[in-house]
Amino acid sequence: MAQLTARFRTENRRFAVEDVPFSVPAASETTDLSQLINKLLAAAHEDHKYVEFDFLINGQFLRMPLVTHMEMENISTFCSGSWDKMLKIWSAVPTDEEDEMEEAANRPRKKQKTEQLGLTRTPLATLSGHTEAVSSVLWSDAEEICSASWDHTIKIWDAETGDLKSTLTGNKVFNSVSFSPLCRRLASGSTDRHIRLWDPRSKDGSLVLLSLTSHTGWVTCVKWSPTHEHQLISGSLDNIVKLWDTRSCKAPLYDLAAHEDKVFCVDWTEAGVFPTFRGTTEHLKNRGLGTDESKVAKSELEKLKGHLSGGEPA
């Protein structure tokens, strides 16, 4: 079950608990939170008597499960996947007080001089189930998260409860996954050089709807068109980007051979007209527009700490 991180504050010192993050189930309601607070108070004060509490979140009373309240109040969240095999869900909503962590004492002097310390936010929820690194994550809708992993599986999660809804099983490492809201299909890229299309609603977790084969290296990235339900693009370690129409799967529509080295990521414009892609060369090449442009945002707004490092891949 998904867990959310919460702090409990009150101006009444009689009911104050330690001002630290607590991990609570995402489906918790007022009664559940009251029970938690009363247990904490009873552990600290022998004469404590049970009290029913109300809870305010950003000035609004909690009258439904926590995760539902977050959705209703449009509390923005995003998800990350890591080498530590975990998925972390984060809040993007600015708050008056962040979770500050003093890191300088444990850092080498050289890093203390070169790195600017900032505020650190803890994750709202953690989803665990993969047995190897999580290589790709996406939201298929507001209530569902999809993750791909080196453990040869794609997992579909209920974002509200944190429960695992289904598992799609392959026979090689998954590098990338993309979901199309137009055709309701998942596309995956793997180390066996194939692109596969899946129906996430299928009860048979091993069912592959279609395989696209043309790349000669690992497929590192795939992306559905936002406007054409049959079109997707893929990038590979073979230095080539391919444009596909899933109605004709024998060969790609085009081979976009412009990079001089491995291709790691691809994307479309919002209009879905021109795909953009990035490789190990220094330029972002946009086929059709004929421009070379590379823009890197170097500002770090806030540090998000929740994953554990597992070292470099072998």
Protein backbone atom coordinates (compact mmCIF):
# COMPACT_ATOMS: atom_id res chain seq x y z
CA MET A 1 0.00 0.00 0.00
CA ALA A 2 1.26 3.48 -0.87
CA GLN A 3 2.54 5.59 1.98
CA LEU A 4 2.44 9.37 2.29
CA THR A 5 4.78 11.50 4.34
CA ALA A 6 3.04 13.94 6.69
CA ARG A 7 3.90 16.33 9.53
CA PHE A 8 1.40 17.16 12.29
CA ARG A 9 1.44 20.63 13.81
CA THR A 10 -0.84 22.40 16.28
CA GLU A 11 -0.77 25.63 18.27
CA ASN A 12 -2.10 23.75 21.32
CA ARG A 13 1.01 22.48 23.07
CA ARG A 14 -1.06 19.95 24.99
CA PHE A 15 -1.58 17.97 21.78
CA ALA A 16 1.74 18.65 20.10
CA VAL A 17 3.71 15.68 18.74
CA GLU A 18 7.27 15.55 17.49
CA ASP A 19 7.72 17.75 14.42
CA VAL A 20 9.14 15.07 12.13
CA PRO A 21 7.80 13.38 8.97
CA PHE A 22 5.50 10.41 9.64
CA SER A 23 4.74 7.73 7.06
CA VAL A 24 0.98 7.13 6.83
CA PRO A 25 -1.17 5.10 4.41
CA ALA A 26 -2.31 7.13 1.40
CA ALA A 27 -5.91 6.06 2.04
CA SER A 28 -5.89 7.41 5.62
CA GLU A 29 -8.91 9.44 6.72
CA THR A 30 -9.53 11.69 9.74
CA THR A 31 -10.28 8.73 12.05
CA ASP A 32 -7.05 6.97 11.07
CA LEU A 33 -4.96 10.07 11.66
CA SER A 34 -6.70 10.71 15.01
CA GLN A 35 -5.80 7.20 16.13
CA LEU A 36 -2.17 7.80 15.20
CA ILE A 37 -1.97 11.11 17.06
CA ASN A 38 -3.64 9.61 20.14
CA LYS A 39 -1.19 6.72 20.19
CA LEU A 40 1.72 9.16 20.04
CA LEU A 41 0.24 11.28 22.82
CA ALA A 42 -0.52 8.23 24.98
CA ALA A 43 3.07 7.05 24.61
CA ALA A 44 4.33 10.44 25.77
CA HIS A 45 1.73 11.13 28.49
CA GLU A 46 0.32 8.39 30.73
CA ASP A 47 -2.78 10.43 31.65
CA HIS A 48 -3.78 11.17 28.04
CA LYS A 49 -7.41 10.53 27.13
CA TYR A 50 -8.59 9.83 23.60
CA VAL A 51 -9.52 12.93 21.55
CA GLU A 52 -11.09 13.16 18.09
CA PHE A 53 -9.05 15.59 16.01
CA ASP A 54 -9.75 17.56 12.86
CA PHE A 55 -7.02 18.06 10.27
CA LEU A 56 -6.33 21.04 8.02
CA ILE A 57 -4.34 20.68 4.81
CA ASN A 58 -3.46 23.97 3.16
CA GLY A 59 -6.39 25.58 4.96
CA GLN A 60 -8.93 22.90 3.96
CA PHE A 61 -10.48 20.38 6.37
CA LEU A 62 -9.78 16.75 5.56
CA ARG A 63 -13.11 15.06 4.80
CA MET A 64 -11.98 12.19 2.57
CA PRO A 65 -8.95 9.89 2.11
CA LEU A 66 -5.68 11.81 1.99
CA VAL A 67 -4.82 10.87 -1.59
CA THR A 68 -8.32 11.83 -2.79
CA HIS A 69 -8.05 15.18 -1.01
CA MET A 70 -4.74 15.82 -2.80
CA GLU A 71 -6.35 15.14 -6.16
CA MET A 72 -9.43 17.27 -5.41
CA GLU A 73 -7.28 20.20 -4.30
CA ASN A 74 -5.05 19.81 -7.35
CA ILE A 75 -1.95 19.15 -5.27
CA SER A 76 0.56 18.48 -8.03
CA THR A 77 2.65 15.32 -7.81
CA PHE A 78 5.28 13.60 -9.92
CA CYS A 79 7.04 10.25 -9.85
CA SER A 80 10.63 9.00 -10.08
CA GLY A 81 12.26 5.59 -10.49
CA SER A 82 15.74 4.62 -9.38
CA TRP A 83 18.58 2.11 -9.26
CA ASP A 84 17.32 1.34 -5.72
CA LYS A 85 14.35 -0.55 -7.33
CA MET A 86 11.85 1.92 -5.86
CA LEU A 87 9.32 4.40 -7.21
CA LYS A 88 8.92 7.64 -5.27
CA ILE A 89 5.96 10.02 -5.52
CA TRP A 90 6.69 13.69 -4.77
CA SER A 91 4.73 16.88 -4.26
CA ALA A 92 5.56 19.84 -6.48
CA VAL A 93 3.54 22.29 -4.39
CA PRO A 94 5.66 24.95 -2.66
CA THR A 95 5.23 25.13 1.11
CA ASP A 96 6.19 27.68 3.72
CA GLU A 97 8.41 25.18 5.50
CA GLU A 98 10.45 22.50 3.75
CA ASP A 99 12.22 19.47 5.15
CA GLU A 100 15.67 20.89 5.74
CA MET A 101 18.62 18.54 6.06
CA GLU A 102 22.02 19.59 7.31
CA GLU A 103 24.36 17.81 4.93
CA ALA A 104 27.57 19.76 5.31
CA ALA A 105 28.87 17.82 8.30
CA ASN A 106 28.96 14.53 6.39
CA ARG A 107 30.28 15.88 3.11
CA PRO A 108 33.92 16.08 2.04
CA ARG A 109 35.32 19.60 2.21
CA LYS A 110 35.79 19.71 -1.53
CA LYS A 111 32.09 19.01 -2.11
CA GLN A 112 31.10 21.52 0.54
CA LYS A 113 32.91 24.20 -1.39
CA THR A 114 31.58 23.26 -4.83
CA GLU A 115 28.00 22.34 -3.99
CA GLN A 116 25.42 24.81 -2.77
CA LEU A 117 23.30 23.34 0.00
CA GLY A 118 19.56 23.70 -0.43
CA LEU A 119 16.25 22.60 0.99
CA THR A 120 15.54 18.89 0.77
CA ARG A 121 12.06 17.44 0.33
CA THR A 122 11.08 13.90 1.29
CA PRO A 123 8.79 11.75 -0.91
CA LEU A 124 5.05 11.57 -0.35
CA ALA A 125 4.91 7.86 -1.11
CA THR A 126 7.11 4.88 -1.97
CA LEU A 127 6.11 1.98 -4.23
CA SER A 128 8.17 -1.20 -4.03
CA GLY A 129 7.87 -4.38 -6.07
CA HIS A 130 10.58 -4.39 -8.70
CA THR A 131 13.63 -6.59 -8.12
CA GLU A 132 16.02 -4.59 -10.31
CA ALA A 133 16.55 -0.94 -11.29
CA VAL A 134 13.52 1.07 -12.44
CA SER A 135 14.42 2.45 -15.86
CA SER A 136 11.23 4.33 -16.85
CA VAL A 137 8.07 5.68 -15.20
CA LEU A 138 4.95 7.46 -16.43
CA TRP A 139 1.41 8.42 -15.40
CA SER A 140 -1.07 6.68 -17.69
CA ASP A 141 -3.81 8.73 -16.01
CA ALA A 142 -4.40 10.57 -12.72
CA GLU A 143 -4.92 7.31 -10.83
CA GLU A 144 -2.42 4.98 -12.49
CA ILE A 145 1.38 4.76 -12.71
CA CYS A 146 3.36 2.55 -15.07
CA SER A 147 6.97 1.54 -14.44
CA ALA A 148 9.50 -0.42 -16.50
CA SER A 149 12.48 -2.20 -15.01
CA TRP A 150 15.64 -4.17 -15.64
CA ASP A 151 13.86 -7.10 -13.96
CA HIS A 152 12.12 -7.79 -17.33
CA THR A 153 8.75 -6.50 -16.13
CA ILE A 154 6.41 -3.55 -16.64
CA LYS A 155 4.20 -2.91 -13.63
CA ILE A 156 0.90 -1.04 -13.46
CA TRP A 157 0.20 0.60 -10.08
CA ASP A 158 -2.85 2.12 -8.44
CA ALA A 159 -1.57 5.59 -7.54
CA GLU A 160 -4.23 6.04 -4.85
CA THR A 161 -3.66 2.85 -2.86
CA GLY A 162 -0.15 1.94 -4.02
CA ASP A 163 -1.37 -1.55 -4.91
CA LEU A 164 0.09 -3.44 -7.86
CA LYS A 165 -2.67 -3.85 -10.46
CA SER A 166 -0.88 -5.96 -13.08
CA THR A 167 2.51 -7.07 -14.36
CA LEU A 168 3.57 -7.37 -18.01
CA THR A 169 6.46 -9.79 -18.38
CA GLY A 170 9.16 -9.75 -21.06
CA ASN A 171 12.33 -11.76 -21.53
CA LYS A 172 14.87 -8.92 -21.58
CA VAL A 173 15.66 -5.65 -19.80
CA PHE A 174 13.16 -2.83 -20.41
CA ASN A 175 14.82 0.52 -21.10
CA SER A 176 11.80 2.70 -21.83
CA VAL A 177 8.01 2.71 -21.83
CA SER A 178 5.45 5.10 -23.31
CA PHE A 179 1.65 5.25 -23.06
CA SER A 180 -0.78 6.59 -25.65
CA PRO A 181 -4.10 7.95 -24.31
CA LEU A 182 -5.38 7.83 -27.91
CA CYS A 183 -5.06 4.08 -28.52
CA ARG A 184 -4.70 3.09 -24.84
CA ARG A 185 -1.56 1.09 -25.59
CA LEU A 186 1.87 0.84 -24.00
CA ALA A 187 5.04 0.74 -26.10
CA SER A 188 8.28 -0.61 -24.66
CA GLY A 189 11.91 -0.61 -25.79
CA SER A 190 14.26 -3.38 -24.72
CA THR A 191 17.84 -4.60 -24.89
CA ASP A 192 16.82 -7.31 -27.39
CA ARG A 193 16.43 -4.56 -30.04
CA HIS A 194 12.63 -4.92 -30.22
CA ILE A 195 9.75 -2.50 -29.63
CA ARG A 196 6.64 -4.16 -28.24
CA LEU A 197 3.07 -2.92 -27.95
CA TRP A 198 0.98 -3.99 -24.98
CA ASP A 199 -2.60 -3.69 -23.85
CA PRO A 200 -2.34 -2.69 -20.16
CA ARG A 201 -5.95 -3.77 -19.61
CA SER A 202 -5.23 -7.34 -20.67
CA LYS A 203 -5.52 -9.97 -17.96
CA ASP A 204 -2.79 -12.01 -19.64
CA GLY A 205 0.37 -10.25 -18.48
CA SER A 206 2.53 -11.92 -21.12
CA LEU A 207 0.38 -10.92 -24.11
CA VAL A 208 2.22 -8.80 -26.69
CA LEU A 209 -0.06 -7.16 -29.25
CA LEU A 210 2.67 -6.34 -31.74
CA SER A 211 6.46 -6.34 -32.15
CA LEU A 212 8.40 -3.80 -34.21
CA THR A 213 11.81 -5.00 -35.33
CA SER A 214 14.36 -2.94 -37.24
CA HIS A 215 16.92 -1.54 -34.80
CA THR A 216 20.31 -3.28 -34.61
CA GLY A 217 21.14 -2.05 -31.09
CA TRP A 218 19.37 -1.71 -27.76
CA VAL A 219 16.17 0.31 -28.00
CA THR A 220 16.79 3.02 -25.41
CA CYS A 221 13.66 5.16 -25.85
CA VAL A 222 10.16 5.10 -27.32
CA LYS A 223 7.48 7.79 -27.51
CA TRP A 224 3.93 7.77 -28.85
CA SER A 225 2.73 10.70 -30.93
CA PRO A 226 0.39 12.97 -28.92
CA THR A 227 -1.89 13.48 -31.95
CA HIS A 228 -1.65 10.31 -34.10
CA GLU A 229 -2.74 7.09 -32.42
CA HIS A 230 -0.75 4.87 -34.82
CA GLN A 231 2.56 6.76 -34.81
CA LEU A 232 5.52 6.44 -32.46
CA ILE A 233 9.24 7.14 -32.55
CA SER A 234 12.14 5.13 -31.16
CA GLY A 235 15.83 5.70 -30.50
CA SER A 236 18.61 3.17 -30.19
CA LEU A 237 22.27 2.53 -29.49
CA ASP A 238 22.56 1.96 -33.27
CA ASN A 239 22.62 5.80 -33.61
CA ILE A 240 19.27 5.85 -35.45
CA VAL A 241 15.84 7.28 -34.69
CA LYS A 242 12.90 5.53 -36.38
CA LEU A 243 9.38 6.77 -37.10
CA TRP A 244 6.76 4.01 -37.06
CA ASP A 245 3.16 3.53 -38.12
CA THR A 246 1.76 0.58 -36.18
CA ARG A 247 -0.63 -0.27 -39.02
CA SER A 248 2.43 -1.29 -41.05
CA CYS A 249 4.78 -3.07 -38.69
CA LYS A 250 7.13 -4.76 -41.17
CA ALA A 251 9.36 -1.69 -41.45
CA PRO A 252 9.51 1.87 -40.07
CA LEU A 253 8.19 4.77 -42.10
CA TYR A 254 11.56 6.50 -41.89
CA ASP A 255 15.06 6.00 -40.57
CA LEU A 256 16.26 9.34 -39.18
CA ALA A 257 20.02 8.96 -39.39
CA ALA A 258 21.50 12.25 -38.20
CA HIS A 259 23.31 11.38 -34.99
CA GLU A 260 26.93 10.33 -34.92
CA ASP A 261 26.53 8.31 -31.74
CA LYS A 262 24.02 6.56 -29.49
CA VAL A 263 20.49 7.96 -29.14
CA PHE A 264 19.21 8.07 -25.55
CA CYS A 265 15.88 9.96 -25.64
CA VAL A 266 13.17 11.14 -28.01
CA ASP A 267 10.11 13.38 -27.79
CA TRP A 268 7.43 15.11 -29.85
CA THR A 269 6.24 18.69 -29.91
CA GLU A 270 2.82 19.22 -28.34
CA ALA A 271 1.31 19.42 -31.82
CA GLY A 272 2.89 16.07 -32.65
CA VAL A 273 4.33 17.39 -35.92
CA PHE A 274 8.07 17.09 -35.45
CA PRO A 275 9.79 14.57 -33.16
CA THR A 276 12.86 15.79 -31.30
CA PHE A 277 15.60 13.50 -30.12
CA ARG A 278 18.86 13.56 -28.24
CA GLY A 279 21.99 11.44 -28.53
CA THR A 280 25.55 11.56 -27.30
CA THR A 281 26.46 14.20 -29.88
CA GLU A 282 26.36 17.78 -28.68
CA HIS A 283 23.33 18.91 -30.65
CA LEU A 284 19.60 18.39 -30.37
CA LYS A 285 18.54 17.64 -33.93
CA ASN A 286 14.97 18.37 -34.94
CA ARG A 287 14.17 16.68 -38.23
CA GLY A 288 11.91 18.73 -40.45
CA LEU A 289 12.75 22.05 -38.78
CA GLY A 290 16.39 21.82 -39.84
CA THR A 291 17.74 23.40 -36.66
CA ASP A 292 20.42 22.43 -34.16
CA GLU A 293 19.64 23.64 -30.68
CA SER A 294 20.74 22.60 -27.22
CA LYS A 295 19.40 24.25 -24.10
CA VAL A 296 20.33 23.06 -20.65
CA ALA A 297 18.63 24.38 -17.53
CA LYS A 298 21.34 24.58 -14.89
CA SER A 299 19.38 26.02 -12.00
CA GLU A 300 18.58 23.72 -9.12
CA LEU A 301 15.35 24.80 -7.44
CA GLU A 302 15.20 22.18 -4.75
CA LYS A 303 16.83 18.90 -3.82
CA LEU A 304 14.55 15.86 -3.72
CA LYS A 305 16.06 13.09 -1.60
CA GLY A 306 14.40 9.71 -1.35
CA HIS A 307 16.31 7.18 -3.44
CA LEU A 308 19.39 5.24 -2.37
CA SER A 309 22.37 4.87 -4.69
CA GLY A 310 23.24 1.37 -5.73
CA GLY A 311 26.40 2.18 -7.65
CA GLU A 312 27.08 2.10 -11.37
CA PRO A 313 25.59 -0.57 -13.64
CA ALA A 314 27.86 -3.41 -14.53
